[in-house]
Amino acid sequence: MMKDKINPTYYRGKIEVADFIREYQLDYFEGNVIKYVSRWRKKNGIEDLKKAQWYLNYLIKSQEN
């Protein structure tokens, strides 16, 4: 069985992350927050949470300015 490098299992559950991002019309930064938070346990652990934090902080700063 070939591994799916485009849409691996850590992006899938009851709803696929890409479908959620599209359904709610999230922008790049919002989508990345969702992507990293949804996969952190199955992929890169704390590193993914820190990436999500970076995108969230960027989004917050852009809205404050």
N, C-alpha and C. Protein backbone atom coordinates (compact mmCIF):
# COMPACT_ATOMS: atom_id res chain seq x y z
N MET A 1 0.84 -1.18 0.00
CA MET A 1 0.00 0.00 0.00
C MET A 1 0.88 1.25 0.00
N MET A 2 0.63 2.16 -0.92
CA MET A 2 1.43 3.37 -1.04
C MET A 2 0.94 4.45 -0.08
N LYS A 3 1.88 5.12 0.58
CA LYS A 3 1.53 6.20 1.48
C LYS A 3 1.06 7.41 0.69
N ASP A 4 0.07 8.09 1.19
CA ASP A 4 -0.46 9.29 0.56
C ASP A 4 0.35 10.48 1.05
N LYS A 5 1.28 10.98 0.23
CA LYS A 5 2.13 12.09 0.62
C LYS A 5 1.41 13.43 0.50
N ILE A 6 0.35 13.49 -0.29
CA ILE A 6 -0.39 14.73 -0.47
C ILE A 6 -1.40 14.94 0.66
N ASN A 7 -2.08 13.91 1.06
CA ASN A 7 -3.10 14.00 2.09
C ASN A 7 -2.95 12.85 3.09
N PRO A 8 -1.90 12.93 3.92
CA PRO A 8 -1.63 11.84 4.87
C PRO A 8 -2.72 11.72 5.94
N THR A 9 -2.70 10.65 6.67
CA THR A 9 -3.76 10.35 7.64
C THR A 9 -3.89 11.40 8.74
N TYR A 10 -2.81 12.13 9.07
CA TYR A 10 -2.94 13.11 10.14
C TYR A 10 -3.74 14.34 9.71
N TYR A 11 -4.15 14.42 8.46
CA TYR A 11 -5.04 15.48 8.00
C TYR A 11 -6.48 14.99 7.87
N ARG A 12 -6.73 13.73 8.19
CA ARG A 12 -8.05 13.17 7.99
C ARG A 12 -8.66 12.72 9.31
N GLY A 13 -9.92 12.85 9.40
CA GLY A 13 -10.70 12.39 10.54
C GLY A 13 -12.13 12.31 10.07
N LYS A 14 -13.06 12.75 10.90
CA LYS A 14 -14.45 12.79 10.46
C LYS A 14 -14.64 13.83 9.35
N ILE A 15 -13.82 14.86 9.39
CA ILE A 15 -13.81 15.87 8.33
C ILE A 15 -12.34 16.14 7.99
N GLU A 16 -12.07 16.33 6.72
CA GLU A 16 -10.69 16.63 6.33
C GLU A 16 -10.40 18.10 6.62
N VAL A 17 -9.19 18.37 7.06
CA VAL A 17 -8.78 19.72 7.41
C VAL A 17 -8.98 20.67 6.23
N ALA A 18 -8.60 20.25 5.04
CA ALA A 18 -8.75 21.10 3.86
C ALA A 18 -10.22 21.45 3.62
N ASP A 19 -11.12 20.50 3.84
CA ASP A 19 -12.54 20.77 3.66
C ASP A 19 -13.05 21.78 4.68
N PHE A 20 -12.58 21.65 5.92
CA PHE A 20 -12.97 22.60 6.98
C PHE A 20 -12.49 24.01 6.63
N ILE A 21 -11.24 24.13 6.21
CA ILE A 21 -10.66 25.43 5.85
C ILE A 21 -11.45 26.05 4.70
N ARG A 22 -11.76 25.26 3.70
CA ARG A 22 -12.52 25.77 2.55
C ARG A 22 -13.94 26.14 2.95
N GLU A 23 -14.61 25.28 3.73
CA GLU A 23 -15.99 25.52 4.14
C GLU A 23 -16.14 26.85 4.89
N TYR A 24 -15.18 27.16 5.73
CA TYR A 24 -15.25 28.38 6.53
C TYR A 24 -14.49 29.55 5.90
N GLN A 25 -14.03 29.34 4.68
CA GLN A 25 -13.34 30.38 3.90
C GLN A 25 -12.23 31.07 4.71
N LEU A 26 -11.39 30.24 5.32
CA LEU A 26 -10.29 30.76 6.12
C LEU A 26 -9.16 31.22 5.22
N ASP A 27 -8.48 32.28 5.64
CA ASP A 27 -7.33 32.74 4.86
C ASP A 27 -6.10 31.89 5.19
N TYR A 28 -4.98 32.24 4.59
CA TYR A 28 -3.74 31.48 4.75
C TYR A 28 -3.35 31.31 6.22
N PHE A 29 -3.37 32.40 6.96
CA PHE A 29 -2.92 32.36 8.35
C PHE A 29 -3.91 31.60 9.23
N GLU A 30 -5.20 31.82 9.05
CA GLU A 30 -6.22 31.09 9.81
C GLU A 30 -6.15 29.59 9.48
N GLY A 31 -6.00 29.28 8.21
CA GLY A 31 -5.92 27.89 7.79
C GLY A 31 -4.73 27.17 8.38
N ASN A 32 -3.60 27.86 8.45
CA ASN A 32 -2.41 27.23 9.03
C ASN A 32 -2.56 27.00 10.52
N VAL A 33 -3.24 27.88 11.23
CA VAL A 33 -3.50 27.65 12.65
C VAL A 33 -4.28 26.34 12.80
N ILE A 34 -5.35 26.20 12.03
CA ILE A 34 -6.17 25.00 12.09
C ILE A 34 -5.37 23.76 11.70
N LYS A 35 -4.60 23.88 10.63
CA LYS A 35 -3.81 22.74 10.14
C LYS A 35 -2.84 22.24 11.21
N TYR A 36 -2.06 23.15 11.79
CA TYR A 36 -1.05 22.72 12.76
C TYR A 36 -1.66 22.23 14.06
N VAL A 37 -2.74 22.85 14.51
CA VAL A 37 -3.37 22.40 15.75
C VAL A 37 -4.01 21.02 15.55
N SER A 38 -4.57 20.79 14.37
CA SER A 38 -5.26 19.51 14.14
C SER A 38 -4.31 18.33 13.98
N ARG A 39 -3.06 18.57 13.64
CA ARG A 39 -2.15 17.45 13.38
C ARG A 39 -1.05 17.26 14.42
N TRP A 40 -0.95 18.14 15.39
CA TRP A 40 0.22 18.14 16.26
C TRP A 40 0.47 16.82 16.97
N ARG A 41 -0.59 16.15 17.38
CA ARG A 41 -0.42 14.88 18.11
C ARG A 41 0.12 13.76 17.22
N LYS A 42 -0.19 13.82 15.91
CA LYS A 42 0.18 12.74 15.01
C LYS A 42 1.41 13.03 14.18
N LYS A 43 1.91 14.28 14.21
CA LYS A 43 3.04 14.58 13.35
C LYS A 43 4.23 15.11 14.15
N ASN A 44 4.28 16.40 14.38
CA ASN A 44 5.50 17.00 14.95
C ASN A 44 5.39 17.47 16.38
N GLY A 45 4.36 17.08 17.09
CA GLY A 45 4.24 17.42 18.50
C GLY A 45 4.27 18.92 18.76
N ILE A 46 5.01 19.29 19.80
CA ILE A 46 5.10 20.69 20.24
C ILE A 46 5.55 21.62 19.11
N GLU A 47 6.38 21.15 18.21
CA GLU A 47 6.82 21.97 17.07
C GLU A 47 5.62 22.49 16.27
N ASP A 48 4.63 21.64 16.04
CA ASP A 48 3.44 22.08 15.30
C ASP A 48 2.62 23.07 16.12
N LEU A 49 2.55 22.90 17.43
CA LEU A 49 1.84 23.88 18.26
C LEU A 49 2.54 25.24 18.21
N LYS A 50 3.86 25.23 18.17
CA LYS A 50 4.60 26.49 18.07
C LYS A 50 4.39 27.15 16.71
N LYS A 51 4.27 26.34 15.66
CA LYS A 51 3.98 26.90 14.34
C LYS A 51 2.59 27.52 14.34
N ALA A 52 1.62 26.83 14.93
CA ALA A 52 0.26 27.37 15.03
C ALA A 52 0.27 28.67 15.81
N GLN A 53 1.05 28.72 16.87
CA GLN A 53 1.17 29.93 17.69
C GLN A 53 1.75 31.07 16.88
N TRP A 54 2.76 30.79 16.06
CA TRP A 54 3.37 31.83 15.23
C TRP A 54 2.34 32.43 14.28
N TYR A 55 1.58 31.56 13.60
CA TYR A 55 0.56 32.05 12.67
C TYR A 55 -0.54 32.81 13.40
N LEU A 56 -0.93 32.35 14.57
CA LEU A 56 -1.96 33.04 15.34
C LEU A 56 -1.46 34.40 15.81
N ASN A 57 -0.22 34.45 16.30
CA ASN A 57 0.36 35.74 16.71
C ASN A 57 0.44 36.71 15.54
N TYR A 58 0.81 36.22 14.37
CA TYR A 58 0.88 37.05 13.17
C TYR A 58 -0.50 37.60 12.84
N LEU A 59 -1.50 36.74 12.91
CA LEU A 59 -2.87 37.14 12.61
C LEU A 59 -3.35 38.21 13.61
N ILE A 60 -3.06 38.01 14.89
CA ILE A 60 -3.44 38.97 15.91
C ILE A 60 -2.78 40.32 15.66
N LYS A 61 -1.48 40.31 15.41
CA LYS A 61 -0.76 41.57 15.14
C LYS A 61 -1.31 42.29 13.92
N SER A 62 -1.64 41.53 12.88
CA SER A 62 -2.16 42.17 11.65
C SER A 62 -3.53 42.80 11.90
N GLN A 63 -4.30 42.26 12.83
CA GLN A 63 -5.62 42.82 13.13
C GLN A 63 -5.53 43.99 14.10
N GLU A 64 -4.49 44.01 14.91
CA GLU A 64 -4.31 45.12 15.85
C GLU A 64 -3.82 46.38 15.14
N ASN A 65 -3.11 46.22 14.04
CA ASN A 65 -2.54 47.37 13.32
C ASN A 65 -3.53 47.99 12.37
